Amino acid sequence: MQTLSEEDVSRIVEMAWEDRTPFEAIEGLYGLNESAVIKLMRKTLKAGSFRLWRARVTGRKTKHLQLRDPAVSRAYCPTQYKR
């Protein structure tokens, strides 16, 4: 696995938790495919948090571009970033 800064790891974890961010977006930005993201999450998260995340993303269509409904797109949510 490539060397990532703490900020990059934090952002990848955040993106992996987001429902509408597909693994392909993480791969495009950071070069980590789905299995590499899983390894990073296993290493970074506590065991219980990792299990919750895996249960959450397993089978989730929005985490894979080819499975998701074309109507689902990335969009800015005004409540996502607090000012």
C-alpha atoms as a PDB file:
ATOM      1  CA  MET A   1       0.000   0.000   0.000  1.00  0.00           C
ATOM      2  CA  GLN A   2       1.237   3.452  -0.837  1.00  0.00           C
ATOM      3  CA  THR A   3       2.228   5.914   1.860  1.00  0.00           C
ATOM      4  CA  LEU A   4      -0.678   8.221   2.649  1.00  0.00           C
ATOM      5  CA  SER A   5      -0.723  11.289   4.857  1.00  0.00           C
ATOM      6  CA  GLU A   6      -2.967  11.371   7.929  1.00  0.00           C
ATOM      7  CA  GLU A   7      -5.206  13.816   6.071  1.00  0.00           C
ATOM      8  CA  ASP A   8      -5.514  11.438   3.112  1.00  0.00           C
ATOM      9  CA  VAL A   9      -6.342   8.491   5.372  1.00  0.00           C
ATOM     10  CA  SER A  10      -8.928  10.583   7.207  1.00  0.00           C
ATOM     11  CA  ARG A  11     -10.542  11.657   3.922  1.00  0.00           C
ATOM     12  CA  ILE A  12     -10.563   8.089   2.559  1.00  0.00           C
ATOM     13  CA  VAL A  13     -12.259   6.836   5.744  1.00  0.00           C
ATOM     14  CA  GLU A  14     -14.805   9.649   5.471  1.00  0.00           C
ATOM     15  CA  MET A  15     -15.475   8.839   1.800  1.00  0.00           C
ATOM     16  CA  ALA A  16     -15.782   5.119   2.559  1.00  0.00           C
ATOM     17  CA  TRP A  17     -18.466   5.839   5.188  1.00  0.00           C
ATOM     18  CA  GLU A  18     -20.444   8.106   2.842  1.00  0.00           C
ATOM     19  CA  ASP A  19     -23.326   6.322   1.138  1.00  0.00           C
ATOM     20  CA  ARG A  20     -23.105   8.180  -2.164  1.00  0.00           C
ATOM     21  CA  THR A  21     -19.342   7.984  -2.647  1.00  0.00           C
ATOM     22  CA  PRO A  22     -18.524   4.899  -4.727  1.00  0.00           C
ATOM     23  CA  PHE A  23     -15.308   2.943  -4.330  1.00  0.00           C
ATOM     24  CA  GLU A  24     -14.427   4.005  -7.876  1.00  0.00           C
ATOM     25  CA  ALA A  25     -14.254   7.646  -6.733  1.00  0.00           C
ATOM     26  CA  ILE A  26     -11.765   6.707  -4.009  1.00  0.00           C
ATOM     27  CA  GLU A  27      -9.732   4.761  -6.550  1.00  0.00           C
ATOM     28  CA  GLY A  28      -9.755   7.702  -8.948  1.00  0.00           C
ATOM     29  CA  LEU A  29      -8.543  10.145  -6.303  1.00  0.00           C
ATOM     30  CA  TYR A  30      -6.190   7.983  -4.241  1.00  0.00           C
ATOM     31  CA  GLY A  31      -5.419   4.943  -6.393  1.00  0.00           C
ATOM     32  CA  LEU A  32      -6.910   2.483  -3.874  1.00  0.00           C
ATOM     33  CA  ASN A  33      -9.276  -0.153  -5.215  1.00  0.00           C
ATOM     34  CA  GLU A  34     -12.066  -1.627  -3.101  1.00  0.00           C
ATOM     35  CA  SER A  35      -9.904  -4.327  -1.517  1.00  0.00           C
ATOM     36  CA  ALA A  36      -7.234  -1.754  -0.606  1.00  0.00           C
ATOM     37  CA  VAL A  37      -9.900   0.467   0.965  1.00  0.00           C
ATOM     38  CA  ILE A  38     -11.144  -2.517   2.992  1.00  0.00           C
ATOM     39  CA  LYS A  39      -7.585  -3.200   4.201  1.00  0.00           C
ATOM     40  CA  LEU A  40      -7.121   0.469   5.112  1.00  0.00           C
ATOM     41  CA  MET A  41     -10.427   0.526   6.984  1.00  0.00           C
ATOM     42  CA  ARG A  42      -9.538  -2.693   8.853  1.00  0.00           C
ATOM     43  CA  LYS A  43      -6.195  -1.177   9.886  1.00  0.00           C
ATOM     44  CA  THR A  44      -7.588   2.265  10.774  1.00  0.00           C
ATOM     45  CA  LEU A  45     -10.886   1.562  12.516  1.00  0.00           C
ATOM     46  CA  LYS A  46     -11.548  -0.217  15.786  1.00  0.00           C
ATOM     47  CA  ALA A  47     -12.741  -3.802  15.271  1.00  0.00           C
ATOM     48  CA  GLY A  48     -16.359  -3.002  16.109  1.00  0.00           C
ATOM     49  CA  SER A  49     -16.404   0.059  13.879  1.00  0.00           C
ATOM     50  CA  PHE A  50     -14.932  -1.966  11.028  1.00  0.00           C
ATOM     51  CA  ARG A  51     -17.636  -4.639  11.416  1.00  0.00           C
ATOM     52  CA  LEU A  52     -20.351  -1.948  11.395  1.00  0.00           C
ATOM     53  CA  TRP A  53     -18.859  -0.369   8.274  1.00  0.00           C
ATOM     54  CA  ARG A  54     -18.575  -3.714   6.453  1.00  0.00           C
ATOM     55  CA  ALA A  55     -22.175  -4.565   7.309  1.00  0.00           C
ATOM     56  CA  ARG A  56     -23.220  -1.138   6.070  1.00  0.00           C
ATOM     57  CA  VAL A  57     -21.439  -1.213   2.699  1.00  0.00           C
ATOM     58  CA  THR A  58     -21.831  -4.894   1.859  1.00  0.00           C
ATOM     59  CA  GLY A  59     -24.359  -5.106  -0.937  1.00  0.00           C
ATOM     60  CA  ARG A  60     -24.977  -1.342  -0.955  1.00  0.00           C
ATOM     61  CA  LYS A  61     -25.613  -0.431  -4.572  1.00  0.00           C
ATOM     62  CA  THR A  62     -24.535   3.192  -4.188  1.00  0.00           C
ATOM     63  CA  LYS A  63     -20.979   2.118  -3.314  1.00  0.00           C
ATOM     64  CA  HIS A  64     -20.468   0.696  -6.838  1.00  0.00           C
ATOM     65  CA  LEU A  65     -20.973   2.827  -9.942  1.00  0.00           C
ATOM     66  CA  GLN A  66     -22.127  -0.096 -12.084  1.00  0.00           C
ATOM     67  CA  LEU A  67     -24.815  -1.128  -9.581  1.00  0.00           C
ATOM     68  CA  ARG A  68     -26.205   2.275  -8.667  1.00  0.00           C
ATOM     69  CA  ASP A  69     -29.283   3.865 -10.122  1.00  0.00           C
ATOM     70  CA  PRO A  70     -28.317   6.546 -12.656  1.00  0.00           C
ATOM     71  CA  ALA A  71     -30.572   8.974 -10.760  1.00  0.00           C
ATOM     72  CA  VAL A  72     -28.195   8.812  -7.782  1.00  0.00           C
ATOM     73  CA  SER A  73     -25.519  11.402  -8.212  1.00  0.00           C
ATOM     74  CA  ARG A  74     -23.049  13.239  -6.059  1.00  0.00           C
ATOM     75  CA  ALA A  75     -24.521  16.451  -4.846  1.00  0.00           C
ATOM     76  CA  TYR A  76     -23.670  19.110  -2.343  1.00  0.00           C
ATOM     77  CA  CYS A  77     -25.757  18.888   0.780  1.00  0.00           C
ATOM     78  CA  PRO A  78     -26.078  22.283   2.522  1.00  0.00           C
ATOM     79  CA  THR A  79     -26.013  20.620   5.954  1.00  0.00           C
ATOM     80  CA  GLN A  80     -22.887  18.561   5.232  1.00  0.00           C
ATOM     81  CA  TYR A  81     -20.386  21.341   5.821  1.00  0.00           C
ATOM     82  CA  LYS A  82     -21.107  23.589   8.779  1.00  0.00           C
ATOM     83  CA  ARG A  83     -20.047  27.223   8.636  1.00  0.00           C
END
